[in-house]
Amino acid sequence: MPEKVVVRRRTRRAGPSLAFGPEAIASTQPAARAWRTEAWDIFTHLPWPTTQDEPWRRTDIRRMPSPKALAQGTEAPEPTPDLLRALADEAPAGELVLHGPRVHLRRLEPAVAEQGVLFVDLRTAEAEHADRVVPLFGQVVPPAEGKFAALGHALAQNGAVVIVPAGVRVERPLHVLLWGPGEDVAHFDHVLVWLEEGAAATVIVEWASPNQTQPSLHVGVVEVHVGPRADLRLVELQSWGEHVWHFSHERVKVHRQGKANWIFGSVGSRLLKSFMEIDLVEEGAEGYMSGFYFADDHQHMDHDTQQNHLAPHTTSDLLFKGALKDTARSVWQGMIYVAPEAQHTDGYQANRNLILSEGARADSIPGLEIMANEVRCTHGATLGRIDAEQVFYLRTRGLSEETAKRLIVEGFFDEVLQRIPFEGVRERFREVVHEKMA
């Protein structure tokens, strides 16, 4: 009797559905609309990522929300005073507050504007400065980068554009707040920061919303160009409500003898998947990344970082620190890539995790791909728990167990916090630690 052969058919799982299509493209300026229409076409041809794809192996999006509508910016509440307060040690040179796609506040000091600095919301940039702005779209993060990169480019409703002309130094920070309240809605934004040769600036970007009940979606694209001998400090704060699914593609491209100091903190969202890259594309470029994340409850945070050394005599340094409690999970996948021509590269990456509960989990996956032979590249990752002896010592000094643990967690993050150039930003992070430890 012949042996039975069982044939199992594999069906390709359909990805999440969206309740809107290319008719949702917000751009009305012809060149911008053509660009976003092209991005939508790329989006439709790219497959949804699955756990079969290596970058997504630990992040499952099958339960991703399918919002019924785009955010309109009319939902209450307005941004809180805490978010609107200046984060720098001195008053910012410019402020831009977006409530969904609606401009809540836009201010730039006249003396800075007179030097040719462009600091506007995305819609104004497309409508009034299309010749200057639209050709820059996709130069750093092309839509073909991935499904969410294409979606973010295509449907961007709002965002910010910062262009600093050659030789101009903006001494005080430019502060952008993207406020996204609402339930069962989708937010799409595009942030473009472009420093020309010899320019210098500090840019602070925040994404925030209140905690609400029904899940919402956020997809963002961040493109940053640091020209030759330019100097950028970029500070990012992500404090979405814990009902938001957050996806982003972000890249900083640094040219000859340019320097980028990129600092970010992630404390919000229900699920986060963020691709963050520094490309050192010309000789002498430097890139520094410092990250802070704290996940609790059922939060899932997945940061995928890449340090690409594409030219000789380039330097990169990455330090990410995270804490987890309850049943939260974090994933960090890091890679240092050194191209064959990138001799005399110096690259470093480290990820440190503090586990505060039995149910929490951290996956830390460093990596090196080195194609040159005259390099110095190192990496490392650690997982640990609060030292009981440290808690005992602090309790003998009269502190409660709760206070002792909070101080230990604050001390764990201090190495990253000290890299942040503004006390206001450091204080915001300390407040988050206090709230999550309470």
Protein backbone atom coordinates (compact mmCIF):
# COMPACT_ATOMS: atom_id res chain seq x y z
CA MET A 1 0.00 0.00 0.00
CA PRO A 2 1.56 3.34 -1.00
CA GLU A 3 2.53 5.71 1.82
CA LYS A 4 0.17 8.62 2.33
CA VAL A 5 1.54 12.02 1.43
CA VAL A 6 0.03 14.97 3.27
CA VAL A 7 0.24 18.25 1.37
CA ARG A 8 -0.13 21.40 3.45
CA ARG A 9 -0.82 24.58 1.60
CA ARG A 10 0.67 27.75 2.95
CA THR A 11 -1.43 30.84 2.59
CA ARG A 12 0.12 34.28 2.76
CA ARG A 13 -1.38 36.19 5.63
CA ALA A 14 -2.97 39.46 4.66
CA GLY A 15 -1.56 42.48 6.43
CA PRO A 16 -3.47 45.05 8.50
CA SER A 17 -6.18 46.91 6.66
CA LEU A 18 -6.47 50.69 6.37
CA ALA A 19 -9.80 52.49 6.06
CA PHE A 20 -8.33 55.10 3.72
CA GLY A 21 -6.27 55.18 0.56
CA PRO A 22 -4.53 57.68 -1.74
CA GLU A 23 -7.48 60.05 -1.43
CA ALA A 24 -6.13 60.78 2.06
CA ILE A 25 -2.96 62.39 0.69
CA ALA A 26 -3.00 65.81 2.32
CA SER A 27 -0.62 67.65 -0.03
CA THR A 28 -2.25 70.07 -2.46
CA GLN A 29 0.94 71.57 -3.93
CA PRO A 30 1.47 69.73 -7.27
CA ALA A 31 5.10 68.63 -6.76
CA ALA A 32 4.49 67.50 -3.19
CA ARG A 33 1.32 65.65 -4.15
CA ALA A 34 3.13 63.89 -7.01
CA TRP A 35 5.88 62.84 -4.59
CA ARG A 36 3.44 61.45 -2.04
CA THR A 37 1.42 59.69 -4.73
CA GLU A 38 4.60 57.97 -5.86
CA ALA A 39 5.28 56.94 -2.24
CA TRP A 40 1.75 55.50 -2.01
CA ASP A 41 2.41 53.41 -5.11
CA ILE A 42 5.57 52.04 -3.47
CA PHE A 43 3.57 51.31 -0.31
CA THR A 44 1.00 49.25 -2.22
CA HIS A 45 3.72 47.10 -3.80
CA LEU A 46 5.66 46.37 -0.61
CA PRO A 47 4.49 43.43 1.57
CA TRP A 48 3.50 43.92 5.18
CA PRO A 49 6.32 42.76 7.47
CA THR A 50 5.82 39.51 9.37
CA THR A 51 7.73 37.63 12.03
CA GLN A 52 9.32 35.69 9.15
CA ASP A 53 11.37 38.84 8.42
CA GLU A 54 14.49 39.07 10.57
CA PRO A 55 14.04 42.73 11.67
CA TRP A 56 10.47 41.90 12.76
CA ARG A 57 11.05 38.47 14.25
CA ARG A 58 10.33 39.64 17.80
CA THR A 59 7.57 42.15 17.00
CA ASP A 60 4.21 40.88 15.77
CA ILE A 61 1.87 43.45 14.19
CA ARG A 62 -1.08 41.15 13.52
CA ARG A 63 -3.13 43.05 16.10
CA MET A 64 -2.16 46.46 14.78
CA PRO A 65 -5.18 48.78 14.89
CA SER A 66 -6.97 49.74 11.68
CA PRO A 67 -8.19 53.28 12.46
CA LYS A 68 -11.37 54.43 10.79
CA ALA A 69 -10.19 58.01 10.26
CA LEU A 70 -7.22 60.34 10.06
CA ALA A 71 -6.65 62.60 13.04
CA GLN A 72 -8.18 66.04 12.48
CA GLY A 73 -6.59 67.94 15.34
CA THR A 74 -9.87 69.01 16.90
CA GLU A 75 -9.97 66.43 19.65
CA ALA A 76 -9.63 67.59 23.27
CA PRO A 77 -7.56 68.00 25.31
CA GLU A 78 -5.04 70.62 24.25
CA PRO A 79 -1.32 70.12 25.02
CA THR A 80 -0.58 70.36 28.73
CA PRO A 81 1.42 73.24 30.22
CA ASP A 82 4.16 70.75 31.20
CA LEU A 83 4.70 69.89 27.56
CA LEU A 84 4.63 73.50 26.45
CA ARG A 85 7.21 74.71 28.95
CA ALA A 86 10.68 75.39 27.63
CA LEU A 87 12.91 72.32 27.89
CA ALA A 88 16.15 74.14 27.26
CA ASP A 89 18.03 76.08 29.90
CA GLU A 90 17.15 79.27 28.04
CA ALA A 91 14.21 80.38 25.94
CA PRO A 92 14.10 78.61 22.55
CA ALA A 93 14.84 80.53 19.36
CA GLY A 94 11.76 78.97 17.79
CA GLU A 95 8.67 77.02 18.85
CA LEU A 96 6.30 74.96 16.74
CA VAL A 97 3.31 73.17 18.31
CA LEU A 98 1.08 71.00 16.13
CA HIS A 99 -2.23 69.65 17.39
CA GLY A 100 -2.74 66.85 14.88
CA PRO A 101 -2.49 68.58 11.48
CA ARG A 102 -3.48 71.95 12.96
CA VAL A 103 -0.86 74.55 13.89
CA HIS A 104 -1.33 75.50 17.53
CA LEU A 105 1.73 77.77 17.80
CA ARG A 106 4.50 78.88 15.45
CA ARG A 107 7.22 81.32 16.47
CA LEU A 108 10.71 82.09 15.20
CA GLU A 109 12.87 84.94 16.38
CA PRO A 110 13.14 87.62 13.64
CA ALA A 111 16.92 87.74 13.93
CA VAL A 112 17.10 84.01 13.17
CA ALA A 113 14.60 84.22 10.30
CA GLU A 114 16.62 87.06 8.75
CA GLN A 115 19.57 84.68 8.39
CA GLY A 116 17.50 82.49 6.08
CA VAL A 117 16.55 79.79 8.60
CA LEU A 118 13.34 77.99 7.62
CA PHE A 119 11.35 76.67 10.60
CA VAL A 120 7.76 75.87 9.65
CA ASP A 121 5.15 73.14 9.72
CA LEU A 122 5.09 70.67 6.84
CA ARG A 123 1.96 72.05 5.13
CA THR A 124 3.33 75.60 5.10
CA ALA A 125 6.65 74.33 3.78
CA GLU A 126 4.92 72.56 0.88
CA ALA A 127 2.60 75.47 0.09
CA GLU A 128 5.06 78.37 0.38
CA HIS A 129 8.55 76.88 -0.04
CA ALA A 130 7.99 73.93 -2.38
CA ASP A 131 10.99 74.68 -4.61
CA ARG A 132 13.29 74.65 -1.61
CA VAL A 133 11.74 71.77 0.33
CA VAL A 134 10.09 69.16 -1.88
CA PRO A 135 13.34 68.13 -3.71
CA LEU A 136 14.75 67.12 -0.29
CA PHE A 137 11.97 64.60 0.45
CA GLY A 138 13.24 61.03 0.45
CA GLN A 139 16.91 62.02 0.12
CA VAL A 140 17.73 60.49 3.51
CA VAL A 141 14.90 57.97 4.07
CA PRO A 142 13.56 56.77 0.71
CA PRO A 143 10.00 55.37 0.62
CA ALA A 144 11.35 52.00 -0.54
CA GLU A 145 13.04 51.66 2.87
CA GLY A 146 10.03 49.69 4.10
CA LYS A 147 6.26 49.43 4.26
CA PHE A 148 5.93 51.99 7.04
CA ALA A 149 8.48 54.37 5.51
CA ALA A 150 6.42 54.47 2.31
CA LEU A 151 3.17 54.89 4.26
CA GLY A 152 4.61 57.75 6.32
CA HIS A 153 5.87 59.56 3.23
CA ALA A 154 2.59 59.08 1.39
CA LEU A 155 0.09 60.16 4.03
CA ALA A 156 2.03 62.70 6.10
CA GLN A 157 -0.58 65.13 7.42
CA ASN A 158 1.79 67.24 9.44
CA GLY A 159 5.37 67.54 10.57
CA ALA A 160 8.17 70.06 10.74
CA VAL A 161 10.80 71.39 8.36
CA VAL A 162 14.03 72.91 9.66
CA ILE A 163 16.59 74.20 7.15
CA VAL A 164 19.67 76.08 8.36
CA PRO A 165 21.68 77.75 5.56
CA ALA A 166 25.43 77.38 5.14
CA GLY A 167 27.49 79.04 7.85
CA VAL A 168 24.50 79.99 10.03
CA ARG A 169 24.69 79.04 13.71
CA VAL A 170 21.43 79.03 15.66
CA GLU A 171 22.62 79.44 19.21
CA ARG A 172 19.38 78.59 21.06
CA PRO A 173 17.21 75.50 20.44
CA LEU A 174 14.33 75.05 18.03
CA HIS A 175 11.51 73.17 19.80
CA VAL A 176 8.86 71.09 17.98
CA LEU A 177 5.90 69.45 19.73
CA LEU A 178 3.66 67.05 17.78
CA TRP A 179 0.59 66.57 19.97
CA GLY A 180 -1.64 63.68 18.89
CA PRO A 181 -4.76 63.06 20.99
CA GLY A 182 -7.67 60.99 19.75
CA GLU A 183 -8.97 57.44 19.80
CA ASP A 184 -9.24 55.08 16.83
CA VAL A 185 -7.39 57.59 14.62
CA ALA A 186 -4.19 57.57 12.60
CA HIS A 187 -1.40 60.16 12.78
CA PHE A 188 1.18 60.45 10.00
CA ASP A 189 4.04 62.94 10.15
CA HIS A 190 7.27 63.81 8.38
CA VAL A 191 10.12 65.68 10.07
CA LEU A 192 12.92 67.09 7.89
CA VAL A 193 16.04 68.69 9.41
CA TRP A 194 18.64 69.96 6.93
CA LEU A 195 21.88 71.66 7.99
CA GLU A 196 23.97 72.99 5.13
CA GLU A 197 27.76 73.32 5.17
CA GLY A 198 29.16 74.82 8.37
CA ALA A 199 25.72 75.30 9.97
CA ALA A 200 24.94 74.53 13.60
CA ALA A 201 21.68 74.04 15.50
CA THR A 202 19.95 72.23 18.33
CA VAL A 203 16.55 70.73 17.53
CA ILE A 204 14.18 69.23 20.13
CA VAL A 205 11.29 67.12 18.80
CA GLU A 206 8.53 65.68 20.99
CA TRP A 207 5.72 63.27 20.16
CA ALA A 208 3.07 63.12 22.89
CA SER A 209 -0.57 62.40 23.67
CA PRO A 210 -2.73 61.63 26.70
CA ASN A 211 -3.54 58.05 27.65
CA GLN A 212 -6.85 57.05 26.08
CA THR A 213 -8.87 53.85 25.67
CA GLN A 214 -9.23 52.88 22.02
CA PRO A 215 -6.01 52.09 20.12
CA SER A 216 -4.57 54.58 17.65
CA LEU A 217 -1.78 54.48 15.08
CA HIS A 218 1.22 56.71 14.47
CA VAL A 219 3.61 56.40 11.52
CA GLY A 220 6.51 58.83 11.26
CA VAL A 221 9.49 59.56 9.02
CA VAL A 222 12.48 61.57 10.28
CA GLU A 223 15.11 62.70 7.75
CA VAL A 224 18.21 64.52 8.94
CA HIS A 225 21.05 65.86 6.78
CA VAL A 226 24.22 67.18 8.45
CA GLY A 227 26.36 68.91 5.84
CA PRO A 228 30.18 69.24 5.76
CA ARG A 229 31.54 70.71 9.02
CA ALA A 230 27.98 71.17 10.31
CA ASP A 231 27.11 70.46 13.95
CA LEU A 232 23.69 69.17 15.05
CA ARG A 233 22.29 68.29 18.44
CA LEU A 234 19.01 66.42 18.01
CA VAL A 235 16.92 65.57 21.07
CA GLU A 236 13.82 63.39 20.67
CA LEU A 237 11.18 62.62 23.30
CA GLN A 238 8.50 60.00 22.61
CA SER A 239 5.75 59.99 25.23
CA TRP A 240 2.68 58.77 23.35
CA GLY A 241 -0.24 57.53 25.36
CA GLU A 242 -0.14 53.81 26.01
CA HIS A 243 -2.91 53.20 23.46
CA VAL A 244 -0.75 54.26 20.47
CA TRP A 245 1.04 51.88 18.10
CA HIS A 246 4.15 53.77 16.98
CA PHE A 247 6.20 53.00 13.85
CA SER A 248 9.06 55.16 12.57
CA HIS A 249 11.95 55.21 10.13
CA GLU A 250 14.64 57.70 11.13
CA ARG A 251 18.08 58.38 9.68
CA VAL A 252 20.80 60.95 10.24
CA LYS A 253 23.26 61.33 7.35
CA VAL A 254 26.55 63.04 8.26
CA HIS A 255 28.97 64.46 5.68
CA ARG A 256 32.67 65.42 5.74
CA GLN A 257 33.83 66.48 9.22
CA GLY A 258 30.22 66.96 10.31
CA LYS A 259 29.03 65.98 13.76
CA ALA A 260 25.65 64.72 14.98
CA ASN A 261 24.79 64.17 18.63
CA TRP A 262 21.43 62.32 18.67
CA ILE A 263 19.69 61.80 22.00
CA PHE A 264 16.29 60.20 22.42
CA GLY A 265 13.93 58.90 25.06
CA SER A 266 11.04 56.45 24.64
CA VAL A 267 8.55 56.10 27.47
CA GLY A 268 5.14 55.94 25.77
CA SER A 269 3.15 53.87 23.25
CA ARG A 270 1.54 50.44 23.43
CA LEU A 271 3.88 49.00 20.81
CA LEU A 272 6.92 50.68 19.29
CA LYS A 273 9.01 49.65 16.30
CA SER A 274 11.63 52.21 15.39
CA PHE A 275 14.42 51.97 12.81
CA MET A 276 17.17 54.45 13.72
CA GLU A 277 20.32 54.84 11.62
CA ILE A 278 23.37 57.05 11.42
CA ASP A 279 25.15 57.09 8.05
CA LEU A 280 28.70 58.47 8.15
CA VAL A 281 29.09 59.08 4.44
CA GLU A 282 32.26 61.17 4.16
CA GLU A 283 35.67 61.30 5.79
CA GLY A 284 35.86 62.66 9.32
CA ALA A 285 32.11 62.36 10.05
CA GLU A 286 31.09 61.72 13.67
CA GLY A 287 27.82 60.33 15.00
CA TYR A 288 26.76 59.80 18.63
CA MET A 289 23.52 58.12 19.75
CA SER A 290 22.30 58.07 23.34
CA GLY A 291 19.02 56.33 24.14
CA PHE A 292 16.73 56.04 27.17
CA TYR A 293 13.63 53.84 27.41
CA PHE A 294 11.39 52.74 30.26
CA ALA A 295 8.57 50.27 29.60
CA ASP A 296 5.95 49.08 32.07
CA ASP A 297 2.56 47.35 32.08
CA HIS A 298 2.21 45.54 28.69
CA GLN A 299 4.35 47.91 26.63
CA HIS A 300 6.48 46.47 23.82
CA MET A 301 9.43 48.55 22.56
CA ASP A 302 11.63 47.44 19.66
CA HIS A 303 14.54 49.68 18.64
CA ASP A 304 16.55 48.68 15.58
CA THR A 305 19.76 50.75 15.30
CA GLN A 306 22.43 50.87 12.62
CA GLN A 307 25.77 52.70 12.57
CA ASN A 308 27.01 52.74 8.98
CA HIS A 309 30.64 53.72 8.41
CA LEU A 310 30.85 54.40 4.69
CA ALA A 311 34.06 56.47 4.57
CA PRO A 312 37.48 56.41 6.29
CA HIS A 313 38.32 58.14 9.58
CA THR A 314 34.72 58.12 10.87
CA THR A 315 33.58 57.74 14.47
CA SER A 316 30.36 56.45 16.02
CA ASP A 317 29.32 55.84 19.61
CA LEU A 318 26.02 54.38 20.79
CA LEU A 319 24.74 53.91 24.34
CA PHE A 320 21.17 52.71 24.98
CA LYS A 321 19.85 52.09 28.48
CA GLY A 322 16.44 50.68 29.34
CA ALA A 323 14.38 49.62 32.35
CA LEU A 324 11.41 47.25 32.31
CA LYS A 325 8.76 46.32 34.84
CA ASP A 326 5.47 44.40 35.03
CA THR A 327 5.15 42.31 31.83
CA ALA A 328 6.82 44.83 29.49
CA ARG A 329 9.22 43.70 26.78
CA SER A 330 12.05 45.46 24.99
CA VAL A 331 14.02 44.49 21.91
CA TRP A 332 17.21 46.18 20.84
CA GLN A 333 18.95 45.06 17.66
CA GLY A 334 22.13 46.98 16.89
CA MET A 335 24.61 46.76 14.04
CA ILE A 336 27.88 48.50 13.26
CA TYR A 337 28.64 48.21 9.55
CA VAL A 338 32.05 49.17 8.18
CA ALA A 339 32.38 49.39 4.39
CA PRO A 340 35.56 48.09 2.68
CA GLU A 341 36.80 51.64 2.02
CA ALA A 342 36.07 52.84 5.58
CA GLN A 343 39.55 52.28 7.02
CA HIS A 344 40.54 53.79 10.40
CA THR A 345 36.96 53.57 11.68
CA ASP A 346 36.19 53.83 15.39
CA GLY A 347 32.81 52.37 16.34
CA TYR A 348 31.26 51.48 19.70
CA GLN A 349 27.84 50.29 20.82
CA ALA A 350 26.43 49.22 24.18
CA ASN A 351 22.99 48.31 25.49
CA ARG A 352 22.27 48.00 29.21
CA ASN A 353 18.96 46.75 30.61
CA LEU A 354 17.56 46.77 34.14
CA ILE A 355 14.81 44.21 34.82
CA LEU A 356 12.49 45.28 37.63
CA SER A 357 9.84 42.50 37.57
CA GLU A 358 9.76 38.75 37.07
CA GLY A 359 7.43 39.06 34.07
CA ALA A 360 9.53 41.64 32.18
CA ARG A 361 11.84 40.62 29.35
CA ALA A 362 14.64 42.27 27.37
CA ASP A 363 16.21 40.94 24.17
CA SER A 364 19.55 42.57 23.35
CA ILE A 365 21.24 41.70 20.07
CA PRO A 366 24.44 43.59 19.19
CA GLY A 367 26.21 42.97 15.90
CA LEU A 368 29.27 43.85 13.83
CA GLU A 369 29.76 43.59 10.07
CA ILE A 370 33.29 44.74 9.29
CA MET A 371 34.62 44.73 5.73
CA ALA A 372 37.79 46.76 6.42
CA ASN A 373 40.92 45.69 8.30
CA GLU A 374 42.18 48.87 10.01
CA VAL A 375 39.37 49.52 12.45
CA ARG A 376 38.51 49.61 16.13
CA CYS A 377 34.96 48.40 16.78
CA THR A 378 33.52 47.01 20.00
CA HIS A 379 30.08 46.15 21.30
CA GLY A 380 28.39 44.82 24.39
CA ALA A 381 25.06 44.15 26.07
CA THR A 382 24.02 43.46 29.66
CA LEU A 383 20.88 42.43 31.56
CA GLY A 384 20.57 42.80 35.30
CA ARG A 385 18.33 43.33 38.29
CA ILE A 386 18.43 45.74 41.21
CA ASP A 387 21.14 44.72 43.66
CA ALA A 388 19.53 43.70 46.96
CA GLU A 389 22.62 44.86 48.86
CA GLN A 390 22.26 48.35 47.41
CA VAL A 391 18.62 48.45 48.52
CA PHE A 392 19.60 47.22 51.99
CA TYR A 393 22.32 49.87 52.29
CA LEU A 394 19.94 52.70 51.38
CA ARG A 395 17.27 51.40 53.77
CA THR A 396 19.80 51.45 56.62
CA ARG A 397 20.10 55.16 55.84
CA GLY A 398 16.40 55.67 56.57
CA LEU A 399 14.93 55.43 53.05
CA SER A 400 11.85 53.39 52.24
CA GLU A 401 12.24 50.41 49.90
CA GLU A 402 10.30 52.26 47.18
CA THR A 403 12.51 55.35 47.41
CA ALA A 404 15.67 53.26 47.50
CA LYS A 405 14.73 51.41 44.30
CA ARG A 406 13.77 54.65 42.57
CA LEU A 407 17.14 56.20 43.40
CA ILE A 408 18.95 53.12 42.07
CA VAL A 409 16.99 53.31 38.79
CA GLU A 410 17.72 57.04 38.47
CA GLY A 411 21.40 56.29 39.06
CA PHE A 412 21.30 53.58 36.37
CA PHE A 413 20.06 56.11 33.81
CA ASP A 414 22.37 58.91 34.93
CA GLU A 415 25.11 58.03 32.42
CA VAL A 416 22.66 58.67 29.56
CA LEU A 417 21.01 61.68 31.20
CA GLN A 418 24.36 63.42 31.56
CA ARG A 419 24.73 63.34 27.78
CA ILE A 420 21.57 65.46 27.46
CA PRO A 421 22.61 69.10 27.14
CA PHE A 422 19.53 70.60 28.88
CA GLU A 423 18.49 70.32 32.49
CA GLY A 424 14.83 70.72 31.46
CA VAL A 425 14.98 67.55 29.35
CA ARG A 426 16.81 65.66 32.09
CA GLU A 427 14.16 66.73 34.58
CA ARG A 428 11.38 65.54 32.25
CA PHE A 429 12.99 62.09 32.15
CA ARG A 430 13.41 62.01 35.92
CA GLU A 431 9.71 62.77 36.31
CA VAL A 432 8.88 59.83 34.05
CA VAL A 433 11.07 57.49 36.11
CA HIS A 434 9.32 58.69 39.26
CA GLU A 435 5.87 58.09 37.75
CA LYS A 436 6.72 54.63 36.42
CA MET A 437 8.30 53.54 39.69
CA ALA A 438 5.37 54.78 41.79
